[in-house]
Amino acid sequence: MLRLFTWLVACALAAVVALAALLFQAVDATPLVPPPAELSAASFKRVKGILRANDPRYLPPGASREVRIAGPELQALLDFAARHGLPGRAAIQLREGGAELRYTWPLPAGLAPGQHLNASAALAADGRIDVLQLGRVALPGALVTFALDAGLRVSAFAPEFAQLKRSVSRVRLAPDALRLTYTWQPALLASARALALTPAEQQGLTAAHERLADVMNRVGEGRRQAELADVLGPILLEAGEEAGPDGRTAAYRHALLVIAAQLSGKNIALLVPTIQRQPRPLILTLQGRHDLAQHFAISAALAAWAGEPLANTVGLDKEVDDARGGSGFSFADLAADRAGTRFGELAVRQPARLAAALAGGLGSEAIMPATDGLPEPMQTDEFRRRFGRVGSAAYQQVADDIEQRIAALALFSPAP
């Protein structure tokens, strides 16, 4: 028995040493995949288009569907994932007979400052890994696939992985696009929820929604309309006090998400099915306008959950769409987007500062600057006549004015 134990320990140590050697071969000061550029409105529109065109929630169980994702759209999805949860960043190049997938993970400063773990995989037309390249070491695809399958089967994602394998029937990689055929099962949506939100986040969102219902019912008693600040302030104040200094950031993020869902008309139960209670109907406004409240709250939630560049892109993307036949391009809406983005960033980066402001009372004038003189609304022809394009000198002059107005608010002014 002792000899067997010694042999097993020796094998385990040899495996660790071999793995360390392989990883050492893959470490380099130069990243194989450079950081992606700031998410553009065009890239974000690609991501939205893919999700909208392939939303399977209304398919009957057992229905089959083919998804076609072109190369630029596939890369946009990878860039989006790199900003929102994927450790590291990836790039894909479609080609005849398959694709090349490259991956870079910047190593933590405490482990190897300035170094990157680089890998590249040659994929066959059916998505199988032909070869995985770690630095100068090439590993056969069959071995890599076996190791990945074994690792996933014992990981926390084993049920989701098994469900995905049962649902996807065909993968084809071609120079123009990835084509994926799957059979829709409602369990896939539950798997997606499980991957998107941890149990702690689901509990936090449930508590935040209960608080939202309580505050809206209290504020809305005998009223049909209220200022966003009258609901936003008490919800965040109560959430921060209950969570304490160490839990404020998470509590603020949860509160901002449920408020944004309420203002956008989205049912938060799609994310957390256990949420059933609904607050009384109440129109929330900012400076007397419901649209400004929507822009502010949604941008705040996006900034708190996904980062400021994404929130800015979403706001601009919405206004450009409006100018093409919607309500019209509005710099006032953009001001609400920018103020909401700054608010969401403050909630997660300087929660103590926000907590102090909430304790002193936070009215509408404290979170949103006046919009007097900001051009709105403009359809495409008028916008082009007055400003040419997004980013022109005339456009930037108004955008800079908005930034100055926001910076003049005490909540967003540089800390002394």
Protein backbone atom coordinates (compact mmCIF):
# COMPACT_ATOMS: atom_id res chain seq x y z
CA MET A 1 0.00 0.00 0.00
CA LEU A 2 2.85 2.38 0.89
CA ARG A 3 4.54 1.68 -2.44
CA LEU A 4 1.27 2.35 -4.28
CA PHE A 5 0.81 5.61 -2.40
CA THR A 6 4.39 6.64 -3.19
CA TRP A 7 3.84 5.82 -6.87
CA LEU A 8 0.65 7.87 -7.02
CA VAL A 9 2.32 10.85 -5.36
CA ALA A 10 5.24 10.60 -7.78
CA CYS A 11 2.86 10.49 -10.76
CA ALA A 12 0.95 13.48 -9.44
CA LEU A 13 4.15 15.47 -8.95
CA ALA A 14 5.32 14.51 -12.44
CA ALA A 15 2.01 15.69 -13.88
CA VAL A 16 2.31 19.01 -12.03
CA VAL A 17 5.88 19.48 -13.24
CA ALA A 18 4.86 18.65 -16.83
CA LEU A 19 1.94 21.07 -16.66
CA ALA A 20 4.16 23.79 -15.24
CA ALA A 21 6.67 23.23 -18.03
CA LEU A 22 3.94 23.49 -20.65
CA LEU A 23 2.59 26.68 -19.15
CA PHE A 24 6.11 28.13 -18.97
CA GLN A 25 6.42 27.51 -22.71
CA ALA A 26 3.21 29.51 -23.27
CA VAL A 27 4.23 32.56 -21.23
CA ASP A 28 5.51 35.55 -23.14
CA ALA A 29 5.99 39.28 -22.60
CA THR A 30 4.16 39.96 -25.87
CA PRO A 31 0.42 39.19 -25.95
CA LEU A 32 -0.74 37.01 -28.81
CA VAL A 33 -4.08 38.85 -28.77
CA PRO A 34 -3.81 42.62 -28.17
CA PRO A 35 -6.42 44.37 -26.03
CA PRO A 36 -9.61 45.01 -28.01
CA ALA A 37 -10.41 48.58 -28.98
CA GLU A 38 -13.13 50.36 -27.05
CA LEU A 39 -16.47 48.79 -27.91
CA SER A 40 -17.88 50.80 -30.80
CA ALA A 41 -21.53 51.48 -31.53
CA ALA A 42 -21.17 49.30 -34.65
CA SER A 43 -19.76 46.37 -32.67
CA PHE A 44 -22.42 46.70 -30.00
CA LYS A 45 -25.09 46.78 -32.70
CA ARG A 46 -23.66 43.54 -34.09
CA VAL A 47 -23.93 41.89 -30.67
CA LYS A 48 -27.49 43.14 -30.21
CA GLY A 49 -28.44 41.98 -33.69
CA ILE A 50 -27.09 38.47 -33.09
CA LEU A 51 -28.95 38.11 -29.81
CA ARG A 52 -32.17 39.56 -31.22
CA ALA A 53 -32.11 37.48 -34.39
CA ASN A 54 -31.41 34.27 -32.52
CA ASP A 55 -33.60 34.69 -29.45
CA PRO A 56 -34.95 31.14 -29.03
CA ARG A 57 -37.30 31.71 -26.09
CA TYR A 58 -40.38 31.55 -28.27
CA LEU A 59 -39.42 28.33 -30.04
CA PRO A 60 -41.40 25.22 -29.08
CA PRO A 61 -39.40 22.59 -27.17
CA GLY A 62 -37.64 20.22 -29.55
CA ALA A 63 -37.54 22.69 -32.45
CA SER A 64 -34.27 22.78 -34.40
CA ARG A 65 -32.66 25.97 -35.59
CA GLU A 66 -29.48 26.98 -37.40
CA VAL A 67 -27.58 30.05 -36.25
CA ARG A 68 -25.27 31.78 -38.74
CA ILE A 69 -22.65 34.14 -37.32
CA ALA A 70 -20.32 35.92 -39.74
CA GLY A 71 -16.65 36.50 -38.90
CA PRO A 72 -16.94 40.16 -37.75
CA GLU A 73 -20.00 39.28 -35.63
CA LEU A 74 -18.17 36.34 -34.07
CA GLN A 75 -15.23 38.57 -33.18
CA ALA A 76 -17.62 41.19 -31.74
CA LEU A 77 -19.06 38.50 -29.46
CA LEU A 78 -15.57 37.49 -28.32
CA ASP A 79 -14.64 41.13 -27.63
CA PHE A 80 -17.88 41.60 -25.71
CA ALA A 81 -17.16 38.46 -23.66
CA ALA A 82 -13.62 39.69 -22.93
CA ARG A 83 -15.10 42.78 -21.30
CA HIS A 84 -17.75 40.92 -19.35
CA GLY A 85 -16.51 37.82 -17.63
CA LEU A 86 -14.17 35.94 -19.98
CA PRO A 87 -10.75 35.67 -18.31
CA GLY A 88 -8.41 37.01 -20.95
CA ARG A 89 -9.23 37.80 -24.55
CA ALA A 90 -9.64 35.81 -27.73
CA ALA A 91 -9.53 36.34 -31.50
CA ILE A 92 -10.76 34.09 -34.28
CA GLN A 93 -9.86 33.91 -37.94
CA LEU A 94 -12.21 31.86 -40.14
CA ARG A 95 -10.62 30.09 -43.08
CA GLU A 96 -11.19 27.29 -45.55
CA GLY A 97 -11.68 24.06 -43.64
CA GLY A 98 -11.87 25.55 -40.17
CA ALA A 99 -10.50 28.44 -38.14
CA GLU A 100 -7.64 29.63 -35.97
CA LEU A 101 -8.52 30.61 -32.41
CA ARG A 102 -5.97 32.65 -30.45
CA TYR A 103 -6.10 33.38 -26.72
CA THR A 104 -4.18 35.61 -24.31
CA TRP A 105 -4.51 35.82 -20.53
CA PRO A 106 -2.54 38.63 -18.83
CA LEU A 107 -1.01 37.00 -15.77
CA PRO A 108 -1.69 38.65 -12.38
CA ALA A 109 0.97 41.15 -11.31
CA GLY A 110 1.70 39.11 -8.19
CA LEU A 111 2.40 36.02 -10.28
CA ALA A 112 4.32 37.32 -13.29
CA PRO A 113 4.07 41.07 -13.91
CA GLY A 114 3.99 42.04 -17.57
CA GLN A 115 3.72 38.44 -18.76
CA HIS A 116 0.96 36.79 -20.79
CA LEU A 117 -0.24 33.23 -21.18
CA ASN A 118 -0.63 32.68 -24.93
CA ALA A 119 -2.27 29.82 -26.78
CA SER A 120 -3.58 29.14 -30.27
CA ALA A 121 -5.76 26.34 -31.57
CA ALA A 122 -6.29 25.08 -35.10
CA LEU A 123 -9.96 24.14 -35.42
CA ALA A 124 -11.36 21.72 -37.96
CA ALA A 125 -14.46 22.52 -39.99
CA ASP A 126 -16.66 20.72 -37.43
CA GLY A 127 -15.21 22.70 -34.53
CA ARG A 128 -12.91 19.97 -33.23
CA ILE A 129 -9.45 20.98 -32.02
CA ASP A 130 -6.79 19.68 -34.42
CA VAL A 131 -3.77 21.11 -32.61
CA LEU A 132 -3.30 23.31 -29.54
CA GLN A 133 -0.11 25.36 -29.59
CA LEU A 134 1.33 26.44 -26.22
CA GLY A 135 4.39 28.51 -27.06
CA ARG A 136 6.72 26.10 -28.89
CA VAL A 137 4.84 23.01 -27.73
CA ALA A 138 2.15 21.49 -29.96
CA LEU A 139 -0.44 19.25 -28.30
CA PRO A 140 -2.64 16.85 -30.31
CA GLY A 141 -6.27 17.87 -30.44
CA ALA A 142 -7.57 14.49 -29.24
CA LEU A 143 -5.56 14.80 -26.01
CA VAL A 144 -6.71 18.38 -25.43
CA THR A 145 -10.35 17.50 -26.10
CA PHE A 146 -10.16 14.54 -23.69
CA ALA A 147 -8.66 16.75 -20.97
CA LEU A 148 -11.26 19.50 -21.51
CA ASP A 149 -14.14 17.03 -21.40
CA ALA A 150 -12.80 15.41 -18.25
CA GLY A 151 -12.27 18.78 -16.58
CA LEU A 152 -15.70 20.10 -17.49
CA ARG A 153 -17.42 16.92 -16.28
CA VAL A 154 -16.09 17.46 -12.75
CA SER A 155 -16.43 21.26 -12.78
CA ALA A 156 -19.24 23.38 -11.39
CA PHE A 157 -20.49 23.79 -14.98
CA ALA A 158 -20.97 20.04 -15.59
CA PRO A 159 -24.82 20.18 -15.89
CA GLU A 160 -24.70 23.15 -18.29
CA PHE A 161 -21.95 21.49 -20.34
CA ALA A 162 -23.93 18.24 -20.62
CA GLN A 163 -27.09 20.10 -21.63
CA LEU A 164 -25.20 22.05 -24.29
CA LYS A 165 -23.66 18.88 -25.74
CA ARG A 166 -27.09 17.27 -25.99
CA SER A 167 -28.58 20.33 -27.70
CA VAL A 168 -25.95 21.16 -30.33
CA SER A 169 -26.15 18.74 -33.24
CA ARG A 170 -23.89 20.35 -35.85
CA VAL A 171 -21.07 22.88 -36.04
CA ARG A 172 -19.60 24.09 -39.33
CA LEU A 173 -16.76 26.57 -39.71
CA ALA A 174 -16.32 28.17 -43.13
CA PRO A 175 -14.48 31.25 -44.40
CA ASP A 176 -17.67 33.33 -44.32
CA ALA A 177 -19.36 32.25 -41.08
CA LEU A 178 -19.89 29.85 -38.20
CA ARG A 179 -23.05 27.77 -38.60
CA LEU A 180 -24.43 26.03 -35.54
CA THR A 181 -27.50 23.80 -35.46
CA TYR A 182 -29.18 23.21 -32.11
CA THR A 183 -32.37 21.73 -30.69
CA TRP A 184 -34.11 24.15 -28.34
CA GLN A 185 -34.88 22.96 -24.83
CA PRO A 186 -36.20 25.30 -22.12
CA ALA A 187 -33.54 23.91 -19.77
CA LEU A 188 -30.97 25.85 -21.83
CA LEU A 189 -32.45 29.11 -20.53
CA ALA A 190 -32.09 27.90 -16.96
CA SER A 191 -28.48 26.95 -17.72
CA ALA A 192 -27.82 30.41 -19.14
CA ARG A 193 -29.24 32.00 -15.99
CA ALA A 194 -27.03 29.79 -13.82
CA LEU A 195 -23.95 30.86 -15.78
CA ALA A 196 -24.93 34.54 -15.86
CA LEU A 197 -25.66 35.00 -12.16
CA THR A 198 -24.15 33.38 -9.09
CA PRO A 199 -26.46 32.25 -6.28
CA ALA A 200 -25.29 35.24 -4.24
CA GLU A 201 -26.20 37.62 -7.08
CA GLN A 202 -29.61 36.02 -7.46
CA GLN A 203 -30.23 36.45 -3.73
CA GLY A 204 -29.01 40.05 -3.92
CA LEU A 205 -31.33 40.84 -6.83
CA THR A 206 -34.26 39.25 -5.01
CA ALA A 207 -33.63 41.40 -1.94
CA ALA A 208 -33.17 44.50 -4.11
CA HIS A 209 -36.46 43.87 -5.91
CA GLU A 210 -38.30 43.45 -2.60
CA ARG A 211 -36.87 46.78 -1.47
CA LEU A 212 -37.89 48.37 -4.78
CA ALA A 213 -41.47 47.17 -4.33
CA ASP A 214 -41.59 48.45 -0.76
CA VAL A 215 -40.26 51.91 -1.66
CA MET A 216 -42.40 52.32 -4.79
CA ASN A 217 -45.51 51.26 -2.89
CA ARG A 218 -44.69 53.76 -0.16
CA VAL A 219 -43.75 56.65 -2.44
CA GLY A 220 -46.55 55.95 -4.91
CA GLU A 221 -49.40 55.87 -2.44
CA GLY A 222 -52.11 58.11 -3.89
CA ARG A 223 -49.87 59.16 -6.79
CA ARG A 224 -49.38 58.10 -10.40
CA GLN A 225 -46.00 59.79 -10.90
CA ALA A 226 -42.88 60.49 -8.85
CA GLU A 227 -39.34 61.71 -9.39
CA LEU A 228 -36.74 59.00 -9.87
CA ALA A 229 -34.62 60.45 -7.05
CA ASP A 230 -37.51 59.93 -4.60
CA VAL A 231 -37.24 56.18 -5.24
CA LEU A 232 -33.56 55.83 -6.14
CA GLY A 233 -32.28 57.60 -3.03
CA PRO A 234 -34.19 55.57 -0.38
CA ILE A 235 -33.52 52.25 -2.13
CA LEU A 236 -29.77 52.84 -2.32
CA LEU A 237 -29.62 54.31 1.19
CA GLU A 238 -31.39 51.32 2.74
CA ALA A 239 -29.38 48.84 0.66
CA GLY A 240 -26.05 50.44 1.62
CA GLU A 241 -26.88 50.66 5.31
CA GLU A 242 -27.96 47.03 5.46
CA ALA A 243 -24.94 45.76 3.51
CA GLY A 244 -22.35 47.82 5.42
CA PRO A 245 -19.04 49.13 4.02
CA ASP A 246 -17.84 45.75 2.74
CA GLY A 247 -21.05 44.91 0.89
CA ARG A 248 -22.10 48.33 -0.44
CA THR A 249 -20.77 47.89 -3.96
CA ALA A 250 -22.70 44.66 -4.56
CA ALA A 251 -25.85 46.08 -2.93
CA TYR A 252 -25.70 49.18 -5.14
CA ARG A 253 -25.22 47.09 -8.28
CA HIS A 254 -28.23 44.92 -7.45
CA ALA A 255 -30.39 47.95 -6.70
CA LEU A 256 -29.45 49.74 -9.91
CA LEU A 257 -30.20 46.67 -12.01
CA VAL A 258 -33.71 46.14 -10.62
CA ILE A 259 -34.49 49.86 -10.98
CA ALA A 260 -33.32 49.80 -14.61
CA ALA A 261 -35.41 46.70 -15.29
CA GLN A 262 -38.46 48.43 -13.82
CA LEU A 263 -37.97 51.56 -15.92
CA SER A 264 -37.29 49.64 -19.13
CA GLY A 265 -40.39 47.49 -18.69
CA LYS A 266 -38.34 44.29 -18.44
CA ASN A 267 -39.42 41.54 -16.08
CA ILE A 268 -36.56 40.84 -13.68
CA ALA A 269 -38.07 37.38 -13.20
CA LEU A 270 -36.49 36.42 -16.54
CA LEU A 271 -33.18 36.54 -14.67
CA VAL A 272 -34.43 35.36 -11.28
CA PRO A 273 -37.59 33.28 -11.73
CA THR A 274 -38.30 33.18 -7.97
CA ILE A 275 -39.17 36.90 -8.04
CA GLN A 276 -42.93 37.21 -8.31
CA ARG A 277 -43.95 40.34 -6.41
CA GLN A 278 -44.59 43.45 -8.50
CA PRO A 279 -44.64 47.06 -7.21
CA ARG A 280 -47.63 49.30 -7.74
CA PRO A 281 -47.73 51.10 -11.12
CA LEU A 282 -45.79 54.35 -10.79
CA ILE A 283 -44.34 56.53 -13.55
CA LEU A 284 -40.83 57.59 -12.58
CA THR A 285 -39.49 60.84 -14.06
CA LEU A 286 -36.34 62.90 -14.05
CA GLN A 287 -36.84 66.64 -14.38
CA GLY A 288 -40.47 65.77 -15.07
CA ARG A 289 -39.60 63.48 -18.02
CA HIS A 290 -39.98 59.72 -18.07
CA ASP A 291 -37.52 59.30 -20.96
CA LEU A 292 -34.73 61.00 -19.02
CA ALA A 293 -35.38 58.71 -16.04
CA GLN A 294 -35.12 55.69 -18.34
CA HIS A 295 -31.85 56.85 -19.88
CA PHE A 296 -30.32 57.67 -16.50
CA ALA A 297 -31.32 54.42 -14.77
CA ILE A 298 -30.37 52.09 -17.62
CA SER A 299 -26.99 53.77 -18.13
CA ALA A 300 -26.30 53.65 -14.39
CA ALA A 301 -27.00 49.93 -14.29
CA LEU A 302 -24.90 49.25 -17.39
CA ALA A 303 -21.97 51.20 -15.95
CA ALA A 304 -22.26 49.41 -12.60
CA TRP A 305 -22.43 45.96 -14.18
CA ALA A 306 -20.47 46.30 -17.41
CA GLY A 307 -18.24 49.35 -17.30
CA GLU A 308 -18.48 52.90 -18.55
CA PRO A 309 -17.49 52.37 -22.23
CA LEU A 310 -20.37 49.95 -22.73
CA ALA A 311 -22.86 52.31 -21.07
CA ASN A 312 -21.72 55.20 -23.27
CA THR A 313 -21.97 53.05 -26.40
CA VAL A 314 -25.46 51.86 -25.55
CA GLY A 315 -26.64 55.43 -24.96
CA LEU A 316 -25.20 56.70 -28.21
CA ASP A 317 -26.48 53.68 -30.11
CA LYS A 318 -30.01 54.37 -28.83
CA GLU A 319 -29.90 58.01 -29.92
CA VAL A 320 -28.58 57.19 -33.39
CA ASP A 321 -31.41 54.66 -33.80
CA ASP A 322 -33.95 57.27 -32.66
CA ALA A 323 -32.68 59.70 -35.29
CA ARG A 324 -33.45 57.12 -37.99
CA GLY A 325 -37.17 57.26 -37.46
CA GLY A 326 -37.71 56.95 -33.73
CA SER A 327 -38.24 59.82 -31.33
CA GLY A 328 -35.26 61.74 -32.75
CA PHE A 329 -31.68 62.36 -31.66
CA SER A 330 -31.68 64.12 -28.29
CA PHE A 331 -28.67 65.67 -26.57
CA ALA A 332 -30.82 65.87 -23.42
CA ASP A 333 -31.15 62.09 -23.50
CA LEU A 334 -27.39 61.83 -23.98
CA ALA A 335 -26.91 64.06 -20.94
CA ALA A 336 -29.05 61.64 -18.93
CA ASP A 337 -27.00 58.73 -20.31
CA ARG A 338 -23.75 60.38 -19.29
CA ALA A 339 -25.01 61.40 -15.84
CA GLY A 340 -26.36 57.88 -15.27
CA THR A 341 -23.05 56.39 -16.36
CA ARG A 342 -21.15 58.61 -13.93
CA PHE A 343 -23.61 57.63 -11.18
CA GLY A 344 -23.15 53.91 -11.84
CA GLU A 345 -19.37 54.28 -11.90
CA LEU A 346 -19.49 56.18 -8.60
CA ALA A 347 -21.60 53.43 -7.02
CA VAL A 348 -19.01 50.73 -7.71
CA ARG A 349 -15.77 52.72 -7.54
CA GLN A 350 -16.48 55.12 -4.69
CA PRO A 351 -19.33 53.55 -2.71
CA ALA A 352 -18.37 55.40 0.49
CA ARG A 353 -18.69 58.76 -1.28
CA LEU A 354 -22.10 57.82 -2.65
CA ALA A 355 -23.19 56.58 0.78
CA ALA A 356 -22.29 59.96 2.31
CA ALA A 357 -24.25 61.79 -0.38
CA LEU A 358 -27.27 59.53 0.12
CA ALA A 359 -27.23 60.15 3.86
CA GLY A 360 -27.49 63.89 3.19
CA GLY A 361 -30.39 63.49 0.77
CA LEU A 362 -30.14 63.21 -2.99
CA GLY A 363 -32.60 65.17 -5.12
CA SER A 364 -32.97 65.27 -8.89
CA GLU A 365 -30.83 68.40 -9.18
CA ALA A 366 -27.94 66.52 -7.53
CA ILE A 367 -27.80 63.66 -10.04
CA MET A 368 -28.77 65.33 -13.32
CA PRO A 369 -27.73 68.72 -14.75
CA ALA A 370 -30.16 71.11 -16.40
CA THR A 371 -30.78 70.37 -20.07
CA ASP A 372 -31.72 73.91 -21.12
CA GLY A 373 -30.44 74.73 -24.60
CA LEU A 374 -29.45 71.18 -25.56
CA PRO A 375 -30.72 70.44 -29.09
CA GLU A 376 -33.55 67.90 -29.35
CA PRO A 377 -35.23 66.05 -30.97
CA MET A 378 -33.67 65.75 -34.42
CA GLN A 379 -34.38 63.29 -37.19
CA THR A 380 -31.50 62.12 -39.37
CA ASP A 381 -31.71 64.90 -41.96
CA GLU A 382 -31.78 67.68 -39.38
CA PHE A 383 -28.99 66.09 -37.35
CA ARG A 384 -26.76 65.83 -40.42
CA ARG A 385 -27.53 69.41 -41.42
CA ARG A 386 -26.63 70.79 -37.99
CA PHE A 387 -23.89 68.42 -36.82
CA GLY A 388 -22.77 66.37 -39.81
CA ARG A 389 -21.94 63.19 -37.92
CA VAL A 390 -21.28 61.85 -34.45
CA GLY A 391 -17.85 63.09 -33.37
CA SER A 392 -17.74 66.17 -35.62
CA ALA A 393 -16.48 69.48 -34.20
CA ALA A 394 -20.05 70.80 -33.84
CA TYR A 395 -21.17 67.57 -32.15
CA GLN A 396 -18.16 67.55 -29.82
CA GLN A 397 -18.86 71.12 -28.75
CA VAL A 398 -22.27 70.09 -27.39
CA ALA A 399 -20.84 66.86 -25.91
CA ASP A 400 -18.18 68.90 -24.07
CA ASP A 401 -20.89 71.24 -22.78
CA ILE A 402 -22.74 68.23 -21.36
CA GLU A 403 -19.58 66.97 -19.65
CA GLN A 404 -19.00 70.39 -18.09
CA ARG A 405 -22.55 70.52 -16.79
CA ILE A 406 -22.19 67.10 -15.19
CA ALA A 407 -18.77 67.93 -13.72
CA ALA A 408 -20.28 71.02 -12.08
CA LEU A 409 -22.52 68.80 -9.92
CA ALA A 410 -21.00 68.24 -6.49
CA LEU A 411 -21.65 64.49 -6.67
CA PHE A 412 -19.48 64.14 -9.77
CA SER A 413 -16.88 66.83 -9.16
CA PRO A 414 -13.32 65.66 -8.48
CA ALA A 415 -12.81 64.65 -4.87
CA PRO A 416 -10.98 67.33 -2.86
